[in-house]
Amino acid sequence: MTALWLGLSLALVVPVDGVALTPHYEHRAEGLTFDGLVDDAAAAGAPTLSVVVQWSQPHITSHEIEPHPIHSQRDDVVRRIIRRARARGMAVLVFPILWVEHRAPGAWRGTLAPDDRAAWWRAYRRFILHYAELAAEERAALLSVGSELSSMERDAAAWRALIADVRARYSGRLLYSANWDHYAWVPFWDALDLVGITGYYRLAEVGRFDPPVADLVARWALIREHLGLWLQTVDRPLVITELGYPSVDGAAQAPWDYTGAQPVDLEEQRRCFQAFYEVWADAPELAGVFFWNWWGPGGPTDRWYTPRGKPAMHVVDWWYGGSRRDGSAPGRRPETQR
């Protein structure tokens, strides 16, 4: 990996570690507020906050893209979150995601087939340029031009035109977030500053529950090897834009699936995070990772992705330089738990 990294542009190698926050809603009676979540992320040592913003289209065949009355947060709230993060010393990544309202098995934003492709691109351009201007006004350090739009990635000319339009409005660093199984097919990496991928790799075979850390480490090591070989072809640092595991039994088998009825399993979530740490903590080709997702109440009964109030939070602490909970010195590896 060292030889690979020496070939990359060192000017681009600036850590962009952080956590992702999708501001779904606040529940002040339960202490779930956006300000509190931002403050918790800063206290945890996250250098960067990825602020996830969403517009929607009704179906995968639609060409209309608009703010959603429920799943899109108002601009004034997004600005408040960004300003709070910057006031707490964090950099900000503005991370637009396209929400498909009506989905079926196999139908999601990675399989879009708009009935009018040109009209879809006009609508998508409006979506991304809206947040490019907001990111510029709020001095966000990074902006993503899209996430997991696998079926639309072949439109290289449209992507390059969009990226040029974004750069005319926004001077920060740009990335795109490819799906974990489709990054090699993106034809416009050279137009961006950073390579982004989501990290929902299957770490255990279907039906295999509670795999030990050693097995998860072996799987991540193979993934890192494959990514390293591919990175030589794009000459860009890598950012894992989403790395998360729901805290349920079987999370290692399908980390992208948060809809099942599996029982809570905090330890499987922790083991998945620890395996990532053991393989990637010393990886020079990795510019950063965003842990998914900071939103939610957390705690021992929570089934969702957040590591807050769970054993996985110990590993997140270590990623940011040392554990606040046991007083150990920064830079040491956490004690391996099998």
C-alpha atoms as a PDB file:
ATOM      1  CA  MET A   1       0.000   0.000   0.000  1.00  0.00           C
ATOM      2  CA  THR A   2       2.887   2.386   0.621  1.00  0.00           C
ATOM      3  CA  ALA A   3       3.864   2.481  -3.034  1.00  0.00           C
ATOM      4  CA  LEU A   4       0.267   3.107  -3.969  1.00  0.00           C
ATOM      5  CA  TRP A   5      -0.055   5.991  -1.560  1.00  0.00           C
ATOM      6  CA  LEU A   6       3.121   7.664  -2.763  1.00  0.00           C
ATOM      7  CA  GLY A   7       1.473   7.902  -6.171  1.00  0.00           C
ATOM      8  CA  LEU A   8      -1.480   9.882  -4.860  1.00  0.00           C
ATOM      9  CA  SER A   9      -1.597  13.646  -4.708  1.00  0.00           C
ATOM     10  CA  LEU A  10      -0.518  14.549  -1.184  1.00  0.00           C
ATOM     11  CA  ALA A  11      -2.284  17.885  -1.489  1.00  0.00           C
ATOM     12  CA  LEU A  12      -5.570  15.995  -1.331  1.00  0.00           C
ATOM     13  CA  VAL A  13      -4.684  13.921   1.735  1.00  0.00           C
ATOM     14  CA  VAL A  14      -6.492  15.802   4.467  1.00  0.00           C
ATOM     15  CA  PRO A  15      -8.337  13.681   7.052  1.00  0.00           C
ATOM     16  CA  VAL A  16     -12.096  13.982   6.767  1.00  0.00           C
ATOM     17  CA  ASP A  17     -13.139  11.576   9.512  1.00  0.00           C
ATOM     18  CA  GLY A  18     -16.496  12.133  11.081  1.00  0.00           C
ATOM     19  CA  VAL A  19     -20.031  10.998  11.707  1.00  0.00           C
ATOM     20  CA  ALA A  20     -23.085  11.258   9.479  1.00  0.00           C
ATOM     21  CA  LEU A  21     -26.203  12.949  10.796  1.00  0.00           C
ATOM     22  CA  THR A  22     -29.522  12.590   9.006  1.00  0.00           C
ATOM     23  CA  PRO A  23     -31.760  15.137  10.744  1.00  0.00           C
ATOM     24  CA  HIS A  24     -35.015  13.158  10.594  1.00  0.00           C
ATOM     25  CA  TYR A  25     -36.800  14.915  13.452  1.00  0.00           C
ATOM     26  CA  GLU A  26     -36.334  16.208  16.973  1.00  0.00           C
ATOM     27  CA  HIS A  27     -38.066  14.856  20.086  1.00  0.00           C
ATOM     28  CA  ARG A  28     -37.314  17.373  22.765  1.00  0.00           C
ATOM     29  CA  ALA A  29     -39.314  15.547  25.456  1.00  0.00           C
ATOM     30  CA  GLU A  30     -36.882  12.620  25.087  1.00  0.00           C
ATOM     31  CA  GLY A  31     -33.841  14.869  24.774  1.00  0.00           C
ATOM     32  CA  LEU A  32     -33.360  14.161  21.056  1.00  0.00           C
ATOM     33  CA  THR A  33     -32.409  17.521  19.526  1.00  0.00           C
ATOM     34  CA  PHE A  34     -30.211  18.439  16.598  1.00  0.00           C
ATOM     35  CA  ASP A  35     -28.168  20.808  18.741  1.00  0.00           C
ATOM     36  CA  GLY A  36     -27.595  18.052  21.269  1.00  0.00           C
ATOM     37  CA  LEU A  37     -26.585  15.553  18.604  1.00  0.00           C
ATOM     38  CA  VAL A  38     -24.081  18.003  17.120  1.00  0.00           C
ATOM     39  CA  ASP A  39     -22.669  18.730  20.577  1.00  0.00           C
ATOM     40  CA  ASP A  40     -22.346  14.992  21.271  1.00  0.00           C
ATOM     41  CA  ALA A  41     -20.479  14.474  17.993  1.00  0.00           C
ATOM     42  CA  ALA A  42     -18.069  17.271  18.858  1.00  0.00           C
ATOM     43  CA  ALA A  43     -17.558  15.873  22.362  1.00  0.00           C
ATOM     44  CA  ALA A  44     -16.822  12.455  20.860  1.00  0.00           C
ATOM     45  CA  GLY A  45     -13.970  14.024  18.876  1.00  0.00           C
ATOM     46  CA  ALA A  46     -15.484  13.789  15.389  1.00  0.00           C
ATOM     47  CA  PRO A  47     -13.522  16.261  13.219  1.00  0.00           C
ATOM     48  CA  THR A  48     -16.217  16.458  10.528  1.00  0.00           C
ATOM     49  CA  LEU A  49     -20.009  16.277  10.477  1.00  0.00           C
ATOM     50  CA  SER A  50     -21.679  14.883   7.379  1.00  0.00           C
ATOM     51  CA  VAL A  51     -25.068  16.601   7.184  1.00  0.00           C
ATOM     52  CA  VAL A  52     -27.372  14.370   5.142  1.00  0.00           C
ATOM     53  CA  VAL A  53     -30.005  16.237   3.124  1.00  0.00           C
ATOM     54  CA  GLN A  54     -32.729  14.613   1.046  1.00  0.00           C
ATOM     55  CA  TRP A  55     -35.074  15.423  -1.812  1.00  0.00           C
ATOM     56  CA  SER A  56     -37.311  12.778  -3.315  1.00  0.00           C
ATOM     57  CA  GLN A  57     -38.826  11.350  -6.462  1.00  0.00           C
ATOM     58  CA  PRO A  58     -42.035   9.280  -6.332  1.00  0.00           C
ATOM     59  CA  HIS A  59     -40.862   6.134  -8.184  1.00  0.00           C
ATOM     60  CA  ILE A  60     -37.672   4.884  -9.817  1.00  0.00           C
ATOM     61  CA  THR A  61     -39.260   5.717 -13.184  1.00  0.00           C
ATOM     62  CA  SER A  62     -40.139   9.306 -12.231  1.00  0.00           C
ATOM     63  CA  HIS A  63     -38.277  12.329 -13.523  1.00  0.00           C
ATOM     64  CA  GLU A  64     -39.570  14.842 -10.964  1.00  0.00           C
ATOM     65  CA  ILE A  65     -37.332  15.608  -7.958  1.00  0.00           C
ATOM     66  CA  GLU A  66     -38.648  17.855  -5.208  1.00  0.00           C
ATOM     67  CA  PRO A  67     -38.271  18.407  -1.464  1.00  0.00           C
ATOM     68  CA  HIS A  68     -40.338  15.818   0.397  1.00  0.00           C
ATOM     69  CA  PRO A  69     -42.840  17.094   3.001  1.00  0.00           C
ATOM     70  CA  ILE A  70     -41.563  14.584   5.597  1.00  0.00           C
ATOM     71  CA  HIS A  71     -38.151  13.299   4.557  1.00  0.00           C
ATOM     72  CA  SER A  72     -36.638  16.651   3.491  1.00  0.00           C
ATOM     73  CA  GLN A  73     -35.437  19.003   6.211  1.00  0.00           C
ATOM     74  CA  ARG A  74     -35.998  22.750   5.851  1.00  0.00           C
ATOM     75  CA  ASP A  75     -33.043  24.857   4.758  1.00  0.00           C
ATOM     76  CA  ASP A  76     -33.117  26.941   7.922  1.00  0.00           C
ATOM     77  CA  VAL A  77     -32.720  23.768  10.011  1.00  0.00           C
ATOM     78  CA  VAL A  78     -29.872  22.517   7.810  1.00  0.00           C
ATOM     79  CA  ARG A  79     -28.139  25.876   8.164  1.00  0.00           C
ATOM     80  CA  ARG A  80     -28.610  25.784  11.942  1.00  0.00           C
ATOM     81  CA  ILE A  81     -26.981  22.352  12.132  1.00  0.00           C
ATOM     82  CA  ILE A  82     -24.049  23.431   9.953  1.00  0.00           C
ATOM     83  CA  ARG A  83     -23.481  26.569  11.997  1.00  0.00           C
ATOM     84  CA  ARG A  84     -23.657  24.622  15.244  1.00  0.00           C
ATOM     85  CA  ALA A  85     -21.077  22.128  13.956  1.00  0.00           C
ATOM     86  CA  ARG A  86     -18.709  24.854  12.784  1.00  0.00           C
ATOM     87  CA  ALA A  87     -19.107  26.692  16.087  1.00  0.00           C
ATOM     88  CA  ARG A  88     -18.045  23.452  17.828  1.00  0.00           C
ATOM     89  CA  GLY A  89     -14.897  23.291  15.717  1.00  0.00           C
ATOM     90  CA  MET A  90     -16.038  20.691  13.213  1.00  0.00           C
ATOM     91  CA  ALA A  91     -15.749  20.832   9.445  1.00  0.00           C
ATOM     92  CA  VAL A  92     -18.895  20.014   7.482  1.00  0.00           C
ATOM     93  CA  LEU A  93     -19.684  17.742   4.550  1.00  0.00           C
ATOM     94  CA  VAL A  94     -23.023  18.476   2.868  1.00  0.00           C
ATOM     95  CA  PHE A  95     -24.267  15.085   1.695  1.00  0.00           C
ATOM     96  CA  PRO A  96     -27.343  15.090  -0.614  1.00  0.00           C
ATOM     97  CA  ILE A  97     -29.242  11.808  -0.969  1.00  0.00           C
ATOM     98  CA  LEU A  98     -32.111  11.107  -3.341  1.00  0.00           C
ATOM     99  CA  TRP A  99     -35.057   9.473  -1.571  1.00  0.00           C
ATOM    100  CA  VAL A 100     -37.350   7.226  -3.643  1.00  0.00           C
ATOM    101  CA  GLU A 101     -40.712   7.383  -1.942  1.00  0.00           C
ATOM    102  CA  HIS A 102     -42.379   4.257  -3.332  1.00  0.00           C
ATOM    103  CA  ARG A 103     -40.013   1.293  -3.465  1.00  0.00           C
ATOM    104  CA  ALA A 104     -40.290  -2.420  -4.126  1.00  0.00           C
ATOM    105  CA  PRO A 105     -37.752  -5.235  -3.730  1.00  0.00           C
ATOM    106  CA  GLY A 106     -34.817  -4.352  -5.952  1.00  0.00           C
ATOM    107  CA  ALA A 107     -36.163  -0.868  -6.673  1.00  0.00           C
ATOM    108  CA  TRP A 108     -34.207   1.939  -5.017  1.00  0.00           C
ATOM    109  CA  ARG A 109     -32.059   4.919  -5.994  1.00  0.00           C
ATOM    110  CA  GLY A 110     -29.406   2.562  -7.357  1.00  0.00           C
ATOM    111  CA  THR A 111     -31.828   1.260 -10.001  1.00  0.00           C
ATOM    112  CA  LEU A 112     -33.385   4.479 -11.299  1.00  0.00           C
ATOM    113  CA  ALA A 113     -34.905   4.270 -14.793  1.00  0.00           C
ATOM    114  CA  PRO A 114     -36.531   7.680 -15.363  1.00  0.00           C
ATOM    115  CA  ASP A 115     -39.146   7.849 -18.093  1.00  0.00           C
ATOM    116  CA  ASP A 116     -37.546  11.086 -19.326  1.00  0.00           C
ATOM    117  CA  ARG A 117     -33.806  10.956 -18.685  1.00  0.00           C
ATOM    118  CA  ALA A 118     -33.108  14.533 -19.837  1.00  0.00           C
ATOM    119  CA  ALA A 119     -35.872  15.884 -17.589  1.00  0.00           C
ATOM    120  CA  TRP A 120     -34.502  13.851 -14.680  1.00  0.00           C
ATOM    121  CA  TRP A 121     -31.072  15.414 -15.160  1.00  0.00           C
ATOM    122  CA  ARG A 122     -32.562  18.912 -15.177  1.00  0.00           C
ATOM    123  CA  ALA A 123     -34.344  18.152 -11.911  1.00  0.00           C
ATOM    124  CA  TYR A 124     -31.265  16.539 -10.380  1.00  0.00           C
ATOM    125  CA  ARG A 125     -29.127  19.506 -11.371  1.00  0.00           C
ATOM    126  CA  ARG A 126     -31.529  21.818  -9.518  1.00  0.00           C
ATOM    127  CA  PHE A 127     -31.326  19.575  -6.442  1.00  0.00           C
ATOM    128  CA  ILE A 128     -27.531  19.493  -6.294  1.00  0.00           C
ATOM    129  CA  LEU A 129     -26.970  23.144  -7.207  1.00  0.00           C
ATOM    130  CA  HIS A 130     -29.389  24.156  -4.454  1.00  0.00           C
ATOM    131  CA  TYR A 131     -27.126  22.509  -1.894  1.00  0.00           C
ATOM    132  CA  ALA A 132     -23.947  23.664  -3.618  1.00  0.00           C
ATOM    133  CA  GLU A 133     -25.072  27.240  -3.062  1.00  0.00           C
ATOM    134  CA  LEU A 134     -26.112  26.501   0.516  1.00  0.00           C
ATOM    135  CA  ALA A 135     -22.762  24.791   1.179  1.00  0.00           C
ATOM    136  CA  ALA A 136     -20.909  27.782  -0.231  1.00  0.00           C
ATOM    137  CA  GLU A 137     -22.899  30.257   1.849  1.00  0.00           C
ATOM    138  CA  GLU A 138     -22.376  28.244   5.041  1.00  0.00           C
ATOM    139  CA  ARG A 139     -18.674  27.580   4.293  1.00  0.00           C
ATOM    140  CA  ALA A 140     -18.938  23.809   4.321  1.00  0.00           C
ATOM    141  CA  ALA A 141     -15.584  22.156   3.652  1.00  0.00           C
ATOM    142  CA  LEU A 142     -16.899  19.356   1.450  1.00  0.00           C
ATOM    143  CA  LEU A 143     -19.840  18.560  -0.785  1.00  0.00           C
ATOM    144  CA  SER A 144     -21.032  15.323  -2.348  1.00  0.00           C
ATOM    145  CA  VAL A 145     -22.597  15.531  -5.805  1.00  0.00           C
ATOM    146  CA  GLY A 146     -24.542  12.298  -5.358  1.00  0.00           C
ATOM    147  CA  SER A 147     -24.867   8.962  -3.624  1.00  0.00           C
ATOM    148  CA  GLU A 148     -25.447   5.402  -4.857  1.00  0.00           C
ATOM    149  CA  LEU A 149     -26.992   6.333  -8.202  1.00  0.00           C
ATOM    150  CA  SER A 150     -25.563   3.268  -9.925  1.00  0.00           C
ATOM    151  CA  SER A 151     -27.889   3.141 -12.924  1.00  0.00           C
ATOM    152  CA  MET A 152     -27.283   6.832 -13.720  1.00  0.00           C
ATOM    153  CA  GLU A 153     -23.498   6.769 -13.450  1.00  0.00           C
ATOM    154  CA  ARG A 154     -22.988   5.860 -17.107  1.00  0.00           C
ATOM    155  CA  ASP A 155     -24.122   9.367 -18.109  1.00  0.00           C
ATOM    156  CA  ALA A 156     -20.573  10.657 -17.856  1.00  0.00           C
ATOM    157  CA  ALA A 157     -21.136  13.852 -19.850  1.00  0.00           C
ATOM    158  CA  ALA A 158     -24.068  14.853 -17.649  1.00  0.00           C
ATOM    159  CA  TRP A 159     -22.045  14.232 -14.492  1.00  0.00           C
ATOM    160  CA  ARG A 160     -19.086  16.246 -15.784  1.00  0.00           C
ATOM    161  CA  ALA A 161     -21.349  19.150 -16.739  1.00  0.00           C
ATOM    162  CA  LEU A 162     -22.970  19.050 -13.304  1.00  0.00           C
ATOM    163  CA  ILE A 163     -19.600  18.969 -11.522  1.00  0.00           C
ATOM    164  CA  ALA A 164     -18.425  21.966 -13.570  1.00  0.00           C
ATOM    165  CA  ASP A 165     -21.589  23.866 -12.620  1.00  0.00           C
ATOM    166  CA  VAL A 166     -21.053  22.991  -8.958  1.00  0.00           C
ATOM    167  CA  ARG A 167     -17.450  24.206  -9.051  1.00  0.00           C
ATOM    168  CA  ALA A 168     -18.648  27.534 -10.462  1.00  0.00           C
ATOM    169  CA  ARG A 169     -20.688  28.011  -7.290  1.00  0.00           C
ATOM    170  CA  TYR A 170     -18.724  26.174  -4.612  1.00  0.00           C
ATOM    171  CA  SER A 171     -14.966  26.157  -3.947  1.00  0.00           C
ATOM    172  CA  GLY A 172     -14.658  23.323  -1.417  1.00  0.00           C
ATOM    173  CA  ARG A 173     -13.664  19.744  -2.120  1.00  0.00           C
ATOM    174  CA  LEU A 174     -16.029  17.517  -4.075  1.00  0.00           C
ATOM    175  CA  LEU A 175     -16.755  13.817  -3.914  1.00  0.00           C
ATOM    176  CA  TYR A 176     -19.283  11.321  -5.154  1.00  0.00           C
ATOM    177  CA  SER A 177     -20.452   8.359  -3.060  1.00  0.00           C
ATOM    178  CA  ALA A 178     -20.687   5.131  -5.066  1.00  0.00           C
ATOM    179  CA  ASN A 179     -22.383   2.026  -3.787  1.00  0.00           C
ATOM    180  CA  TRP A 180     -19.973  -0.466  -2.256  1.00  0.00           C
ATOM    181  CA  ASP A 181     -20.485  -2.919  -5.137  1.00  0.00           C
ATOM    182  CA  HIS A 182     -20.413  -0.423  -8.041  1.00  0.00           C
ATOM    183  CA  TYR A 183     -17.484   1.973  -7.540  1.00  0.00           C
ATOM    184  CA  ALA A 184     -15.385   0.498 -10.362  1.00  0.00           C
ATOM    185  CA  TRP A 185     -17.990   1.516 -12.974  1.00  0.00           C
ATOM    186  CA  VAL A 186     -18.020   5.248 -12.197  1.00  0.00           C
ATOM    187  CA  PRO A 187     -16.511   7.019 -15.248  1.00  0.00           C
ATOM    188  CA  PHE A 188     -15.998  10.505 -13.778  1.00  0.00           C
ATOM    189  CA  TRP A 189     -13.738  10.005 -10.731  1.00  0.00           C
ATOM    190  CA  ASP A 190     -11.061  12.179 -12.331  1.00  0.00           C
ATOM    191  CA  ALA A 191     -13.400  15.208 -12.176  1.00  0.00           C
ATOM    192  CA  LEU A 192     -13.594  14.975  -8.369  1.00  0.00           C
ATOM    193  CA  ASP A 193     -11.217  15.532  -5.460  1.00  0.00           C
ATOM    194  CA  LEU A 194     -12.062  12.435  -3.421  1.00  0.00           C
ATOM    195  CA  VAL A 195     -13.379   8.959  -4.147  1.00  0.00           C
ATOM    196  CA  GLY A 196     -16.357   8.102  -1.967  1.00  0.00           C
ATOM    197  CA  ILE A 197     -17.965   4.713  -1.413  1.00  0.00           C
ATOM    198  CA  THR A 198     -20.485   3.391   1.048  1.00  0.00           C
ATOM    199  CA  GLY A 199     -19.183   0.585   3.242  1.00  0.00           C
ATOM    200  CA  TYR A 200     -22.057  -1.880   3.631  1.00  0.00           C
ATOM    201  CA  TYR A 201     -20.035  -4.943   2.696  1.00  0.00           C
ATOM    202  CA  ARG A 202     -21.341  -8.351   3.693  1.00  0.00           C
ATOM    203  CA  LEU A 203     -18.922  -9.600   6.370  1.00  0.00           C
ATOM    204  CA  ALA A 204     -20.576 -12.955   7.113  1.00  0.00           C
ATOM    205  CA  GLU A 205     -22.388 -15.496   4.998  1.00  0.00           C
ATOM    206  CA  VAL A 206     -26.171 -15.581   5.134  1.00  0.00           C
ATOM    207  CA  GLY A 207     -27.313 -17.703   8.055  1.00  0.00           C
ATOM    208  CA  ARG A 208     -24.081 -17.335   9.989  1.00  0.00           C
ATOM    209  CA  PHE A 209     -24.733 -15.474  13.216  1.00  0.00           C
ATOM    210  CA  ASP A 210     -22.255 -14.087  15.750  1.00  0.00           C
ATOM    211  CA  PRO A 211     -19.040 -14.472  13.732  1.00  0.00           C
ATOM    212  CA  PRO A 212     -15.873 -13.820  15.772  1.00  0.00           C
ATOM    213  CA  VAL A 213     -13.830 -10.665  15.225  1.00  0.00           C
ATOM    214  CA  ALA A 214     -11.053 -12.684  13.564  1.00  0.00           C
ATOM    215  CA  ASP A 215     -13.396 -13.775  10.764  1.00  0.00           C
ATOM    216  CA  LEU A 216     -14.672 -10.242  10.266  1.00  0.00           C
ATOM    217  CA  VAL A 217     -11.094  -8.957  10.158  1.00  0.00           C
ATOM    218  CA  ALA A 218     -10.208 -11.488   7.473  1.00  0.00           C
ATOM    219  CA  ARG A 219     -13.120 -10.321   5.357  1.00  0.00           C
ATOM    220  CA  TRP A 220     -12.242  -6.635   5.764  1.00  0.00           C
ATOM    221  CA  ALA A 221      -8.592  -7.373   4.937  1.00  0.00           C
ATOM    222  CA  LEU A 222      -9.647  -8.894   1.616  1.00  0.00           C
ATOM    223  CA  ILE A 223     -11.878  -5.896   0.875  1.00  0.00           C
ATOM    224  CA  ARG A 224      -9.012  -3.514   1.642  1.00  0.00           C
ATOM    225  CA  GLU A 225      -6.714  -5.430  -0.706  1.00  0.00           C
ATOM    226  CA  HIS A 226      -9.197  -5.223  -3.574  1.00  0.00           C
ATOM    227  CA  LEU A 227      -9.876  -1.537  -2.969  1.00  0.00           C
ATOM    228  CA  GLY A 228      -6.165  -0.788  -2.833  1.00  0.00           C
ATOM    229  CA  LEU A 229      -5.566  -2.340  -6.243  1.00  0.00           C
ATOM    230  CA  TRP A 230      -8.459  -0.384  -7.714  1.00  0.00           C
ATOM    231  CA  LEU A 231      -7.349   2.906  -6.150  1.00  0.00           C
ATOM    232  CA  GLN A 232      -4.179   2.714  -8.221  1.00  0.00           C
ATOM    233  CA  THR A 233      -6.362   3.311 -11.282  1.00  0.00           C
ATOM    234  CA  VAL A 234      -8.040   6.493 -10.017  1.00  0.00           C
ATOM    235  CA  ASP A 235      -5.240   8.291  -8.119  1.00  0.00           C
ATOM    236  CA  ARG A 236      -7.614   9.751  -5.541  1.00  0.00           C
ATOM    237  CA  PRO A 237      -7.794   9.288  -1.756  1.00  0.00           C
ATOM    238  CA  LEU A 238     -10.655   7.152  -0.499  1.00  0.00           C
ATOM    239  CA  VAL A 239     -13.473   8.293   1.798  1.00  0.00           C
ATOM    240  CA  ILE A 240     -15.921   5.739   3.161  1.00  0.00           C
ATOM    241  CA  THR A 241     -18.972   7.959   3.265  1.00  0.00           C
ATOM    242  CA  GLU A 242     -21.176   5.572   5.242  1.00  0.00           C
ATOM    243  CA  LEU A 243     -20.005   2.835   7.600  1.00  0.00           C
ATOM    244  CA  GLY A 244     -22.699   1.446   9.837  1.00  0.00           C
ATOM    245  CA  TYR A 245     -24.274  -1.641  11.315  1.00  0.00           C
ATOM    246  CA  PRO A 246     -27.704  -1.863  12.900  1.00  0.00           C
ATOM    247  CA  SER A 247     -27.391  -3.224  16.416  1.00  0.00           C
ATOM    248  CA  VAL A 248     -29.268  -6.445  15.655  1.00  0.00           C
ATOM    249  CA  ASP A 249     -28.455 -10.122  15.358  1.00  0.00           C
ATOM    250  CA  GLY A 250     -27.144 -10.781  11.861  1.00  0.00           C
ATOM    251  CA  ALA A 251     -25.877  -7.265  11.163  1.00  0.00           C
ATOM    252  CA  ALA A 252     -22.663  -8.650   9.660  1.00  0.00           C
ATOM    253  CA  GLN A 253     -24.670 -10.548   7.028  1.00  0.00           C
ATOM    254  CA  ALA A 254     -26.585  -7.575   5.631  1.00  0.00           C
ATOM    255  CA  PRO A 255     -25.455  -4.274   7.160  1.00  0.00           C
ATOM    256  CA  TRP A 256     -27.590  -2.339   4.658  1.00  0.00           C
ATOM    257  CA  ASP A 257     -30.810  -3.902   5.987  1.00  0.00           C
ATOM    258  CA  TYR A 258     -32.404  -2.147   8.955  1.00  0.00           C
ATOM    259  CA  THR A 259     -35.962  -3.329   8.280  1.00  0.00           C
ATOM    260  CA  GLY A 260     -35.938  -6.837   9.770  1.00  0.00           C
ATOM    261  CA  ALA A 261     -37.266  -8.075  13.105  1.00  0.00           C
ATOM    262  CA  GLN A 262     -34.047  -9.546  14.471  1.00  0.00           C
ATOM    263  CA  PRO A 263     -33.395  -9.177  18.199  1.00  0.00           C
ATOM    264  CA  VAL A 264     -31.074  -6.486  19.505  1.00  0.00           C
ATOM    265  CA  ASP A 265     -27.418  -7.536  19.446  1.00  0.00           C
ATOM    266  CA  LEU A 266     -25.103  -4.792  20.659  1.00  0.00           C
ATOM    267  CA  GLU A 267     -22.041  -7.030  20.598  1.00  0.00           C
ATOM    268  CA  GLU A 268     -22.340  -7.977  16.943  1.00  0.00           C
ATOM    269  CA  GLN A 269     -22.464  -4.282  16.078  1.00  0.00           C
ATOM    270  CA  ARG A 270     -19.360  -3.695  18.191  1.00  0.00           C
ATOM    271  CA  ARG A 271     -17.463  -6.586  16.611  1.00  0.00           C
ATOM    272  CA  CYS A 272     -18.187  -5.251  13.127  1.00  0.00           C
ATOM    273  CA  PHE A 273     -16.839  -1.832  14.081  1.00  0.00           C
ATOM    274  CA  GLN A 274     -13.801  -3.360  15.754  1.00  0.00           C
ATOM    275  CA  ALA A 275     -12.965  -5.445  12.695  1.00  0.00           C
ATOM    276  CA  PHE A 276     -13.042  -2.311  10.573  1.00  0.00           C
ATOM    277  CA  TYR A 277     -10.756  -0.569  13.070  1.00  0.00           C
ATOM    278  CA  GLU A 278      -8.206  -3.381  13.108  1.00  0.00           C
ATOM    279  CA  VAL A 279      -7.892  -3.431   9.318  1.00  0.00           C
ATOM    280  CA  TRP A 280      -8.175   0.267   8.466  1.00  0.00           C
ATOM    281  CA  ALA A 281      -6.712   2.197  11.419  1.00  0.00           C
ATOM    282  CA  ASP A 282      -3.267   2.369   9.795  1.00  0.00           C
ATOM    283  CA  ALA A 283      -4.404   2.596   6.160  1.00  0.00           C
ATOM    284  CA  PRO A 284      -2.707   5.567   4.418  1.00  0.00           C
ATOM    285  CA  GLU A 285      -5.001   5.226   1.406  1.00  0.00           C
ATOM    286  CA  LEU A 286      -8.037   6.047   3.563  1.00  0.00           C
ATOM    287  CA  ALA A 287      -8.654   9.786   3.838  1.00  0.00           C
ATOM    288  CA  GLY A 288     -11.577   9.285   6.201  1.00  0.00           C
ATOM    289  CA  VAL A 289     -14.694   7.423   7.232  1.00  0.00           C
ATOM    290  CA  PHE A 290     -18.113   8.648   8.335  1.00  0.00           C
ATOM    291  CA  PHE A 291     -19.830   6.450  10.897  1.00  0.00           C
ATOM    292  CA  TRP A 292     -23.511   5.956  10.069  1.00  0.00           C
ATOM    293  CA  ASN A 293     -25.695   7.280  11.574  1.00  0.00           C
ATOM    294  CA  TRP A 294     -25.432   9.648  14.531  1.00  0.00           C
ATOM    295  CA  TRP A 295     -29.163  10.351  14.653  1.00  0.00           C
ATOM    296  CA  GLY A 296     -31.354   8.417  17.097  1.00  0.00           C
ATOM    297  CA  PRO A 297     -31.757   7.895  20.832  1.00  0.00           C
ATOM    298  CA  GLY A 298     -29.179   5.110  21.076  1.00  0.00           C
ATOM    299  CA  GLY A 299     -28.804   3.061  24.225  1.00  0.00           C
ATOM    300  CA  PRO A 300     -29.066  -0.667  25.013  1.00  0.00           C
ATOM    301  CA  THR A 301     -32.544  -1.210  23.524  1.00  0.00           C
ATOM    302  CA  ASP A 302     -32.006   0.709  20.279  1.00  0.00           C
ATOM    303  CA  ARG A 303     -31.979  -1.410  17.098  1.00  0.00           C
ATOM    304  CA  TRP A 304     -30.843   1.275  14.683  1.00  0.00           C
ATOM    305  CA  TYR A 305     -27.402   2.241  13.396  1.00  0.00           C
ATOM    306  CA  THR A 306     -26.272   4.823  15.910  1.00  0.00           C
ATOM    307  CA  PRO A 307     -23.364   3.698  18.136  1.00  0.00           C
ATOM    308  CA  ARG A 308     -24.373   6.232  20.778  1.00  0.00           C
ATOM    309  CA  GLY A 309     -24.814   4.648  24.204  1.00  0.00           C
ATOM    310  CA  LYS A 310     -23.680   1.221  22.917  1.00  0.00           C
ATOM    311  CA  PRO A 311     -20.452  -0.817  23.148  1.00  0.00           C
ATOM    312  CA  ALA A 312     -19.609   0.169  19.543  1.00  0.00           C
ATOM    313  CA  MET A 313     -19.065   3.705  20.794  1.00  0.00           C
ATOM    314  CA  HIS A 314     -15.861   2.541  22.464  1.00  0.00           C
ATOM    315  CA  VAL A 315     -14.422   1.691  19.043  1.00  0.00           C
ATOM    316  CA  VAL A 316     -15.581   5.023  17.606  1.00  0.00           C
ATOM    317  CA  ASP A 317     -13.765   6.751  20.463  1.00  0.00           C
ATOM    318  CA  TRP A 318     -10.593   4.896  19.584  1.00  0.00           C
ATOM    319  CA  TRP A 319     -10.879   5.846  15.942  1.00  0.00           C
ATOM    320  CA  TYR A 320     -10.776   9.500  16.968  1.00  0.00           C
ATOM    321  CA  GLY A 321      -7.558   9.076  18.926  1.00  0.00           C
ATOM    322  CA  GLY A 322      -8.204   7.431  22.252  1.00  0.00           C
ATOM    323  CA  SER A 323     -10.878   6.270  24.607  1.00  0.00           C
ATOM    324  CA  ARG A 324     -12.460   8.892  26.850  1.00  0.00           C
ATOM    325  CA  ARG A 325     -14.091   6.179  28.918  1.00  0.00           C
ATOM    326  CA  ASP A 326     -11.118   4.321  30.350  1.00  0.00           C
ATOM    327  CA  GLY A 327      -8.531   7.105  30.352  1.00  0.00           C
ATOM    328  CA  SER A 328      -6.103   5.292  28.065  1.00  0.00           C
ATOM    329  CA  ALA A 329      -3.584   7.273  26.068  1.00  0.00           C
ATOM    330  CA  PRO A 330      -4.576   8.280  22.531  1.00  0.00           C
ATOM    331  CA  GLY A 331      -3.082   6.322  19.685  1.00  0.00           C
ATOM    332  CA  ARG A 332      -3.122   2.891  21.319  1.00  0.00           C
ATOM    333  CA  ARG A 333      -5.239   0.141  19.859  1.00  0.00           C
ATOM    334  CA  PRO A 334      -8.246  -0.984  21.881  1.00  0.00           C
ATOM    335  CA  GLU A 335      -7.952  -4.279  23.669  1.00  0.00           C
ATOM    336  CA  THR A 336      -9.102  -6.921  21.216  1.00  0.00           C
ATOM    337  CA  GLN A 337     -12.297  -8.615  22.329  1.00  0.00           C
ATOM    338  CA  ARG A 338     -13.323 -11.770  20.556  1.00  0.00           C
END
